[in-house]
Amino acid sequence: MTSLKKVLQKKKYVKIKLKKMVTNHLELNAKINGIKGKFILDTGASNSCVGIDLIEQFKLISEESEIKAAGAGAIDMETKTSKNNTLEIGKWKTTKCHLVLFNLTHVNTALLQHNAKEVQGIIGADILQSGKAFIDYDKKLLYLKKVKKKKFKKIVV
């Protein structure tokens, strides 16, 4: 029988290690615009998010947003957005990462109350869908399909 790992590798998926936090969340390391951070993997979050206080740290260009964020016990939170960022998770990369920026204090306060470390953001369903994700909860692995690079024809004049 062929293993999931072999099938996904053959289909050009990248393997990313996940860490189980004391809160049972899965955590991963990623880079946004070349800057490292720790993120919660959240299949229930519709969008990937970064703390609004980290705009400068992650070199984000933000825009005002009419959207109100809700989740983890907080509602009607003011947000900003940031488009077309570079996101690297392991060897997987996209240059079209749109982020929702809002105050993550309530998330980090909850983590600290459980003796977990703070995170800079959340990787949500938007990235999981675009990366055609598979999550192996038993082995704590995330698989994302490599983004095909567009080939340009060389025109000789």
N, C-alpha and C. Protein backbone atom coordinates (compact mmCIF):
# COMPACT_ATOMS: atom_id res chain seq x y z
N MET A 1 0.85 -1.18 0.00
CA MET A 1 0.00 0.00 0.00
C MET A 1 0.89 1.25 0.00
N THR A 2 0.55 2.22 -0.86
CA THR A 2 1.32 3.44 -0.97
C THR A 2 0.96 4.38 0.18
N SER A 3 1.97 5.01 0.76
CA SER A 3 1.74 5.91 1.88
C SER A 3 1.27 7.27 1.38
N LEU A 4 0.58 7.97 2.25
CA LEU A 4 0.11 9.33 1.95
C LEU A 4 1.31 10.21 1.60
N LYS A 5 2.36 10.09 2.36
CA LYS A 5 3.57 10.90 2.15
C LYS A 5 4.09 10.72 0.73
N LYS A 6 4.19 9.47 0.25
CA LYS A 6 4.72 9.20 -1.08
C LYS A 6 3.80 9.75 -2.17
N VAL A 7 2.51 9.59 -1.98
CA VAL A 7 1.54 10.10 -2.96
C VAL A 7 1.64 11.62 -3.07
N LEU A 8 1.69 12.29 -1.93
CA LEU A 8 1.74 13.75 -1.93
C LEU A 8 3.07 14.27 -2.47
N GLN A 9 4.16 13.60 -2.16
CA GLN A 9 5.46 14.02 -2.71
C GLN A 9 5.46 13.90 -4.22
N LYS A 10 4.86 12.84 -4.74
CA LYS A 10 4.78 12.64 -6.18
C LYS A 10 3.95 13.74 -6.84
N LYS A 11 2.96 14.25 -6.12
CA LYS A 11 2.10 15.30 -6.65
C LYS A 11 2.62 16.70 -6.32
N LYS A 12 3.91 16.78 -5.94
CA LYS A 12 4.60 18.06 -5.69
C LYS A 12 4.09 18.81 -4.47
N TYR A 13 3.80 18.09 -3.41
CA TYR A 13 3.43 18.71 -2.14
C TYR A 13 4.68 18.90 -1.28
N VAL A 14 4.67 19.94 -0.47
CA VAL A 14 5.75 20.24 0.45
C VAL A 14 5.30 19.83 1.85
N LYS A 15 6.20 19.20 2.60
CA LYS A 15 5.89 18.75 3.96
C LYS A 15 6.35 19.81 4.95
N ILE A 16 5.45 20.19 5.86
CA ILE A 16 5.75 21.20 6.87
C ILE A 16 5.47 20.62 8.25
N LYS A 17 6.45 20.74 9.15
CA LYS A 17 6.27 20.22 10.50
C LYS A 17 5.39 21.16 11.32
N LEU A 18 4.50 20.58 12.09
CA LEU A 18 3.64 21.31 13.00
C LEU A 18 4.02 20.94 14.43
N LYS A 19 3.76 21.86 15.34
CA LYS A 19 4.03 21.61 16.75
C LYS A 19 2.70 21.71 17.49
N LYS A 20 2.44 20.74 18.36
CA LYS A 20 1.23 20.78 19.17
C LYS A 20 1.50 21.63 20.40
N MET A 21 0.68 22.66 20.57
CA MET A 21 0.82 23.55 21.73
C MET A 21 0.12 22.92 22.93
N VAL A 22 0.38 23.44 24.13
CA VAL A 22 -0.29 22.93 25.33
C VAL A 22 -1.80 23.15 25.25
N THR A 23 -2.24 24.06 24.41
CA THR A 23 -3.67 24.33 24.24
C THR A 23 -4.32 23.41 23.20
N ASN A 24 -3.54 22.49 22.64
CA ASN A 24 -3.94 21.58 21.57
C ASN A 24 -4.05 22.25 20.20
N HIS A 25 -3.69 23.52 20.09
CA HIS A 25 -3.60 24.16 18.78
C HIS A 25 -2.35 23.63 18.08
N LEU A 26 -2.37 23.68 16.77
CA LEU A 26 -1.18 23.34 16.01
C LEU A 26 -0.49 24.64 15.61
N GLU A 27 0.81 24.67 15.80
CA GLU A 27 1.61 25.87 15.56
C GLU A 27 2.62 25.58 14.46
N LEU A 28 2.92 26.62 13.68
CA LEU A 28 3.95 26.48 12.66
C LEU A 28 4.74 27.76 12.55
N ASN A 29 5.92 27.64 11.99
CA ASN A 29 6.75 28.79 11.71
C ASN A 29 6.53 29.19 10.26
N ALA A 30 6.51 30.48 10.01
CA ALA A 30 6.35 30.99 8.66
C ALA A 30 7.07 32.31 8.54
N LYS A 31 7.24 32.75 7.31
CA LYS A 31 7.83 34.07 7.05
C LYS A 31 6.83 34.88 6.24
N ILE A 32 6.62 36.10 6.67
CA ILE A 32 5.83 37.06 5.89
C ILE A 32 6.79 38.16 5.47
N ASN A 33 6.88 38.35 4.17
CA ASN A 33 7.80 39.35 3.60
C ASN A 33 9.22 39.18 4.15
N GLY A 34 9.61 37.90 4.34
CA GLY A 34 10.96 37.57 4.78
C GLY A 34 11.18 37.61 6.27
N ILE A 35 10.15 37.96 7.05
CA ILE A 35 10.27 38.08 8.51
C ILE A 35 9.63 36.85 9.17
N LYS A 36 10.40 36.21 10.06
CA LYS A 36 9.92 35.00 10.74
C LYS A 36 8.87 35.31 11.79
N GLY A 37 7.94 34.35 11.96
CA GLY A 37 6.95 34.46 13.01
C GLY A 37 6.37 33.10 13.35
N LYS A 38 5.65 33.05 14.47
CA LYS A 38 4.94 31.84 14.90
C LYS A 38 3.45 32.07 14.68
N PHE A 39 2.79 31.05 14.13
CA PHE A 39 1.39 31.17 13.75
C PHE A 39 0.61 29.93 14.18
N ILE A 40 -0.63 30.16 14.54
CA ILE A 40 -1.54 29.05 14.81
C ILE A 40 -2.14 28.62 13.48
N LEU A 41 -2.21 27.32 13.26
CA LEU A 41 -2.91 26.78 12.10
C LEU A 41 -4.37 26.62 12.51
N ASP A 42 -5.27 27.33 11.84
CA ASP A 42 -6.68 27.33 12.24
C ASP A 42 -7.57 27.08 11.04
N THR A 43 -8.03 25.84 10.91
CA THR A 43 -8.89 25.47 9.79
C THR A 43 -10.24 26.18 9.85
N GLY A 44 -10.61 26.68 11.01
CA GLY A 44 -11.88 27.37 11.17
C GLY A 44 -11.82 28.86 10.92
N ALA A 45 -10.62 29.39 10.75
CA ALA A 45 -10.47 30.82 10.45
C ALA A 45 -10.58 30.99 8.94
N SER A 46 -11.49 31.83 8.51
CA SER A 46 -11.69 31.99 7.07
C SER A 46 -10.51 32.69 6.40
N ASN A 47 -9.85 33.58 7.13
CA ASN A 47 -8.73 34.34 6.57
C ASN A 47 -7.50 34.22 7.47
N SER A 48 -6.35 34.36 6.84
CA SER A 48 -5.11 34.41 7.60
C SER A 48 -4.97 35.81 8.18
N CYS A 49 -4.41 35.89 9.38
CA CYS A 49 -4.40 37.14 10.13
C CYS A 49 -3.03 37.38 10.75
N VAL A 50 -2.76 38.65 10.98
CA VAL A 50 -1.57 39.08 11.70
C VAL A 50 -2.01 40.15 12.69
N GLY A 51 -1.33 40.22 13.81
CA GLY A 51 -1.62 41.25 14.80
C GLY A 51 -1.43 42.64 14.21
N ILE A 52 -2.40 43.50 14.43
CA ILE A 52 -2.37 44.85 13.86
C ILE A 52 -1.16 45.65 14.35
N ASP A 53 -0.63 45.27 15.51
CA ASP A 53 0.54 45.96 16.05
C ASP A 53 1.85 45.52 15.38
N LEU A 54 1.77 44.57 14.44
CA LEU A 54 2.96 44.04 13.79
C LEU A 54 3.10 44.49 12.34
N ILE A 55 2.36 45.53 11.96
CA ILE A 55 2.38 46.02 10.58
C ILE A 55 3.81 46.36 10.15
N GLU A 56 4.51 47.12 10.94
CA GLU A 56 5.87 47.52 10.59
C GLU A 56 6.83 46.34 10.64
N GLN A 57 6.68 45.49 11.65
CA GLN A 57 7.58 44.35 11.80
C GLN A 57 7.56 43.47 10.56
N PHE A 58 6.37 43.20 10.00
CA PHE A 58 6.25 42.32 8.84
C PHE A 58 6.26 43.09 7.51
N LYS A 59 6.59 44.38 7.56
CA LYS A 59 6.68 45.22 6.35
C LYS A 59 5.39 45.17 5.53
N LEU A 60 4.27 45.34 6.22
CA LEU A 60 2.96 45.26 5.57
C LEU A 60 2.50 46.64 5.12
N ILE A 61 1.87 46.69 3.98
CA ILE A 61 1.20 47.90 3.52
C ILE A 61 -0.27 47.67 3.81
N SER A 62 -0.82 48.45 4.73
CA SER A 62 -2.19 48.20 5.18
C SER A 62 -3.16 49.21 4.61
N GLU A 63 -4.40 48.76 4.51
CA GLU A 63 -5.51 49.59 4.05
C GLU A 63 -6.63 49.48 5.07
N GLU A 64 -7.41 50.53 5.18
CA GLU A 64 -8.57 50.51 6.06
C GLU A 64 -9.56 49.46 5.53
N SER A 65 -10.34 48.91 6.42
CA SER A 65 -11.30 47.88 6.05
C SER A 65 -12.63 48.13 6.75
N GLU A 66 -13.71 47.85 6.05
CA GLU A 66 -15.05 47.96 6.62
C GLU A 66 -15.42 46.69 7.40
N ILE A 67 -14.65 45.64 7.17
CA ILE A 67 -14.95 44.33 7.77
C ILE A 67 -14.66 44.35 9.26
N LYS A 68 -15.55 43.76 10.03
CA LYS A 68 -15.35 43.59 11.47
C LYS A 68 -14.96 42.13 11.70
N ALA A 69 -13.97 41.92 12.53
CA ALA A 69 -13.52 40.56 12.83
C ALA A 69 -14.23 40.03 14.06
N ALA A 70 -14.37 38.70 14.10
CA ALA A 70 -14.94 38.04 15.26
C ALA A 70 -14.26 36.69 15.42
N GLY A 71 -14.19 36.23 16.65
CA GLY A 71 -13.62 34.91 16.89
C GLY A 71 -13.03 34.82 18.27
N ALA A 72 -12.96 33.62 18.78
CA ALA A 72 -12.34 33.32 20.08
C ALA A 72 -12.85 34.25 21.18
N GLY A 73 -14.13 34.51 21.18
CA GLY A 73 -14.73 35.28 22.27
C GLY A 73 -14.76 36.78 22.05
N ALA A 74 -14.25 37.25 20.94
CA ALA A 74 -14.26 38.69 20.67
C ALA A 74 -15.09 38.95 19.41
N ILE A 75 -15.83 40.06 19.42
CA ILE A 75 -16.64 40.41 18.26
C ILE A 75 -16.45 41.88 17.90
N ASP A 76 -16.86 42.22 16.68
CA ASP A 76 -16.83 43.61 16.19
C ASP A 76 -15.48 44.29 16.34
N MET A 77 -14.41 43.57 16.06
CA MET A 77 -13.07 44.16 16.15
C MET A 77 -12.74 44.90 14.86
N GLU A 78 -12.15 46.08 15.00
CA GLU A 78 -11.71 46.85 13.85
C GLU A 78 -10.60 46.10 13.13
N THR A 79 -10.60 46.19 11.80
CA THR A 79 -9.58 45.50 11.03
C THR A 79 -8.98 46.41 9.97
N LYS A 80 -7.84 45.97 9.48
CA LYS A 80 -7.22 46.53 8.29
C LYS A 80 -6.89 45.32 7.41
N THR A 81 -6.53 45.58 6.16
CA THR A 81 -6.12 44.49 5.28
C THR A 81 -4.76 44.83 4.68
N SER A 82 -4.10 43.80 4.24
CA SER A 82 -2.82 43.95 3.55
C SER A 82 -2.79 42.91 2.44
N LYS A 83 -2.55 43.37 1.22
CA LYS A 83 -2.63 42.48 0.05
C LYS A 83 -1.25 42.20 -0.54
N ASN A 84 -1.22 41.08 -1.26
CA ASN A 84 -0.05 40.68 -2.06
C ASN A 84 1.26 40.63 -1.28
N ASN A 85 1.21 39.98 -0.14
CA ASN A 85 2.40 39.75 0.67
C ASN A 85 3.03 38.42 0.28
N THR A 86 4.31 38.29 0.57
CA THR A 86 4.98 37.01 0.35
C THR A 86 4.86 36.20 1.64
N LEU A 87 4.37 34.98 1.50
CA LEU A 87 4.24 34.07 2.63
C LEU A 87 5.03 32.81 2.31
N GLU A 88 5.93 32.45 3.22
CA GLU A 88 6.71 31.23 3.08
C GLU A 88 6.45 30.34 4.29
N ILE A 89 6.03 29.12 4.01
CA ILE A 89 5.84 28.12 5.06
C ILE A 89 6.68 26.93 4.64
N GLY A 90 7.80 26.74 5.33
CA GLY A 90 8.75 25.71 4.87
C GLY A 90 9.22 26.07 3.47
N LYS A 91 9.13 25.11 2.56
CA LYS A 91 9.56 25.34 1.18
C LYS A 91 8.38 25.75 0.28
N TRP A 92 7.22 25.99 0.89
CA TRP A 92 6.05 26.45 0.14
C TRP A 92 6.04 27.97 0.16
N LYS A 93 5.65 28.58 -0.97
CA LYS A 93 5.70 30.04 -1.04
C LYS A 93 4.61 30.57 -1.96
N THR A 94 4.03 31.69 -1.56
CA THR A 94 3.11 32.44 -2.41
C THR A 94 3.43 33.92 -2.28
N THR A 95 3.19 34.66 -3.35
CA THR A 95 3.41 36.11 -3.32
C THR A 95 2.07 36.85 -3.36
N LYS A 96 0.99 36.09 -3.18
CA LYS A 96 -0.34 36.69 -3.24
C LYS A 96 -1.12 36.47 -1.95
N CYS A 97 -0.43 36.63 -0.83
CA CYS A 97 -1.07 36.40 0.46
C CYS A 97 -1.76 37.67 0.95
N HIS A 98 -3.08 37.59 1.08
CA HIS A 98 -3.87 38.69 1.63
C HIS A 98 -4.09 38.40 3.12
N LEU A 99 -3.90 39.42 3.93
CA LEU A 99 -4.00 39.25 5.38
C LEU A 99 -5.03 40.20 5.97
N VAL A 100 -5.69 39.72 7.01
CA VAL A 100 -6.55 40.58 7.83
C VAL A 100 -5.73 40.95 9.05
N LEU A 101 -5.70 42.22 9.37
CA LEU A 101 -4.92 42.72 10.51
C LEU A 101 -5.87 43.17 11.59
N PHE A 102 -5.73 42.62 12.79
CA PHE A 102 -6.56 43.05 13.91
C PHE A 102 -5.84 42.75 15.21
N ASN A 103 -6.41 43.24 16.29
CA ASN A 103 -5.81 43.10 17.61
C ASN A 103 -5.92 41.64 18.08
N LEU A 104 -4.78 41.01 18.27
CA LEU A 104 -4.75 39.60 18.70
C LEU A 104 -4.51 39.45 20.20
N THR A 105 -4.69 40.53 20.94
CA THR A 105 -4.44 40.49 22.39
C THR A 105 -5.26 39.39 23.07
N HIS A 106 -6.53 39.26 22.69
CA HIS A 106 -7.38 38.24 23.33
C HIS A 106 -6.88 36.83 23.05
N VAL A 107 -6.35 36.60 21.86
CA VAL A 107 -5.80 35.28 21.52
C VAL A 107 -4.55 35.02 22.35
N ASN A 108 -3.62 35.98 22.37
CA ASN A 108 -2.37 35.79 23.09
C ASN A 108 -2.57 35.75 24.61
N THR A 109 -3.54 36.49 25.11
CA THR A 109 -3.85 36.42 26.55
C THR A 109 -4.31 35.02 26.92
N ALA A 110 -5.17 34.45 26.09
CA ALA A 110 -5.65 33.08 26.34
C ALA A 110 -4.49 32.08 26.28
N LEU A 111 -3.58 32.25 25.32
CA LEU A 111 -2.44 31.35 25.22
C LEU A 111 -1.54 31.46 26.46
N LEU A 112 -1.27 32.68 26.87
CA LEU A 112 -0.41 32.89 28.04
C LEU A 112 -1.03 32.31 29.31
N GLN A 113 -2.35 32.37 29.43
CA GLN A 113 -3.03 31.81 30.60
C GLN A 113 -2.87 30.30 30.67
N HIS A 114 -2.56 29.68 29.54
CA HIS A 114 -2.35 28.23 29.49
C HIS A 114 -0.86 27.89 29.36
N ASN A 115 -0.01 28.85 29.70
CA ASN A 115 1.44 28.66 29.64
C ASN A 115 1.96 28.35 28.24
N ALA A 116 1.28 28.88 27.24
CA ALA A 116 1.74 28.75 25.85
C ALA A 116 2.37 30.07 25.44
N LYS A 117 3.18 30.02 24.40
CA LYS A 117 3.83 31.23 23.91
C LYS A 117 2.89 31.99 22.98
N GLU A 118 3.10 33.31 22.93
CA GLU A 118 2.32 34.16 22.04
C GLU A 118 2.61 33.84 20.59
N VAL A 119 1.65 34.17 19.72
CA VAL A 119 1.82 34.01 18.28
C VAL A 119 1.67 35.37 17.60
N GLN A 120 2.18 35.45 16.41
CA GLN A 120 2.08 36.70 15.66
C GLN A 120 0.86 36.72 14.75
N GLY A 121 0.27 35.53 14.54
CA GLY A 121 -0.89 35.49 13.66
C GLY A 121 -1.48 34.11 13.53
N ILE A 122 -2.34 34.00 12.53
CA ILE A 122 -3.11 32.78 12.29
C ILE A 122 -3.04 32.46 10.81
N ILE A 123 -2.75 31.21 10.49
CA ILE A 123 -2.83 30.75 9.11
C ILE A 123 -4.20 30.09 8.97
N GLY A 124 -5.02 30.64 8.10
CA GLY A 124 -6.41 30.21 8.00
C GLY A 124 -6.73 29.42 6.74
N ALA A 125 -8.04 29.21 6.55
CA ALA A 125 -8.54 28.39 5.45
C ALA A 125 -8.18 28.95 4.08
N ASP A 126 -7.99 30.25 3.96
CA ASP A 126 -7.62 30.82 2.66
C ASP A 126 -6.32 30.22 2.15
N ILE A 127 -5.32 30.12 3.01
CA ILE A 127 -4.03 29.54 2.63
C ILE A 127 -4.16 28.03 2.47
N LEU A 128 -4.90 27.41 3.36
CA LEU A 128 -5.08 25.96 3.27
C LEU A 128 -5.76 25.58 1.96
N GLN A 129 -6.73 26.37 1.54
CA GLN A 129 -7.41 26.09 0.26
C GLN A 129 -6.50 26.36 -0.92
N SER A 130 -5.81 27.49 -0.91
CA SER A 130 -4.94 27.81 -2.05
C SER A 130 -3.78 26.82 -2.15
N GLY A 131 -3.34 26.28 -1.02
CA GLY A 131 -2.27 25.30 -1.02
C GLY A 131 -2.77 23.86 -1.14
N LYS A 132 -4.08 23.70 -1.33
CA LYS A 132 -4.69 22.36 -1.45
C LYS A 132 -4.20 21.44 -0.32
N ALA A 133 -4.35 21.94 0.90
CA ALA A 133 -3.73 21.34 2.09
C ALA A 133 -4.26 19.97 2.47
N PHE A 134 -3.34 19.19 3.01
CA PHE A 134 -3.63 17.95 3.72
C PHE A 134 -2.96 18.08 5.08
N ILE A 135 -3.69 17.73 6.12
CA ILE A 135 -3.12 17.77 7.46
C ILE A 135 -3.09 16.35 8.02
N ASP A 136 -1.92 15.92 8.41
CA ASP A 136 -1.75 14.63 9.08
C ASP A 136 -1.64 14.93 10.57
N TYR A 137 -2.78 14.84 11.26
CA TYR A 137 -2.81 15.18 12.68
C TYR A 137 -1.97 14.21 13.51
N ASP A 138 -1.95 12.95 13.12
CA ASP A 138 -1.21 11.96 13.88
C ASP A 138 0.30 12.24 13.86
N LYS A 139 0.82 12.58 12.69
CA LYS A 139 2.26 12.84 12.55
C LYS A 139 2.59 14.32 12.69
N LYS A 140 1.57 15.15 12.91
CA LYS A 140 1.74 16.61 13.05
C LYS A 140 2.47 17.19 11.84
N LEU A 141 1.90 16.94 10.66
CA LEU A 141 2.46 17.44 9.41
C LEU A 141 1.39 18.13 8.58
N LEU A 142 1.78 19.19 7.94
CA LEU A 142 0.94 19.89 6.98
C LEU A 142 1.58 19.72 5.61
N TYR A 143 0.77 19.40 4.62
CA TYR A 143 1.25 19.30 3.25
C TYR A 143 0.57 20.37 2.42
N LEU A 144 1.36 21.16 1.69
CA LEU A 144 0.84 22.18 0.79
C LEU A 144 1.41 21.94 -0.59
N LYS A 145 0.56 22.07 -1.61
CA LYS A 145 0.99 21.85 -2.99
C LYS A 145 1.81 23.04 -3.47
N LYS A 146 2.97 22.73 -4.06
CA LYS A 146 3.84 23.78 -4.58
C LYS A 146 3.09 24.59 -5.63
N VAL A 147 3.28 25.90 -5.57
CA VAL A 147 2.68 26.79 -6.55
C VAL A 147 3.53 26.72 -7.81
N LYS A 148 2.84 26.47 -8.93
CA LYS A 148 3.57 26.40 -10.20
C LYS A 148 4.01 27.79 -10.61
N LYS A 149 5.26 27.87 -11.01
CA LYS A 149 5.77 29.13 -11.52
C LYS A 149 5.36 29.25 -12.99
N LYS A 150 4.90 30.42 -13.33
CA LYS A 150 4.50 30.64 -14.72
C LYS A 150 5.74 30.73 -15.59
N LYS A 151 5.67 30.03 -16.69
CA LYS A 151 6.78 30.06 -17.63
C LYS A 151 6.48 31.10 -18.70
N PHE A 152 7.47 31.90 -18.96
CA PHE A 152 7.33 32.92 -19.99
C PHE A 152 8.17 32.51 -21.19
N LYS A 153 7.58 32.67 -22.35
CA LYS A 153 8.32 32.36 -23.57
C LYS A 153 9.30 33.48 -23.84
N LYS A 154 10.49 33.07 -24.19
CA LYS A 154 11.51 34.05 -24.53
C LYS A 154 11.30 34.45 -25.98
N ILE A 155 11.15 35.73 -26.21
CA ILE A 155 10.92 36.22 -27.57
C ILE A 155 12.21 36.86 -28.05
N VAL A 156 12.68 36.36 -29.15
CA VAL A 156 13.90 36.91 -29.74
C VAL A 156 13.50 37.79 -30.91
N VAL A 157 13.99 39.02 -30.89
CA VAL A 157 13.64 39.96 -31.96
C VAL A 157 14.85 40.24 -32.80
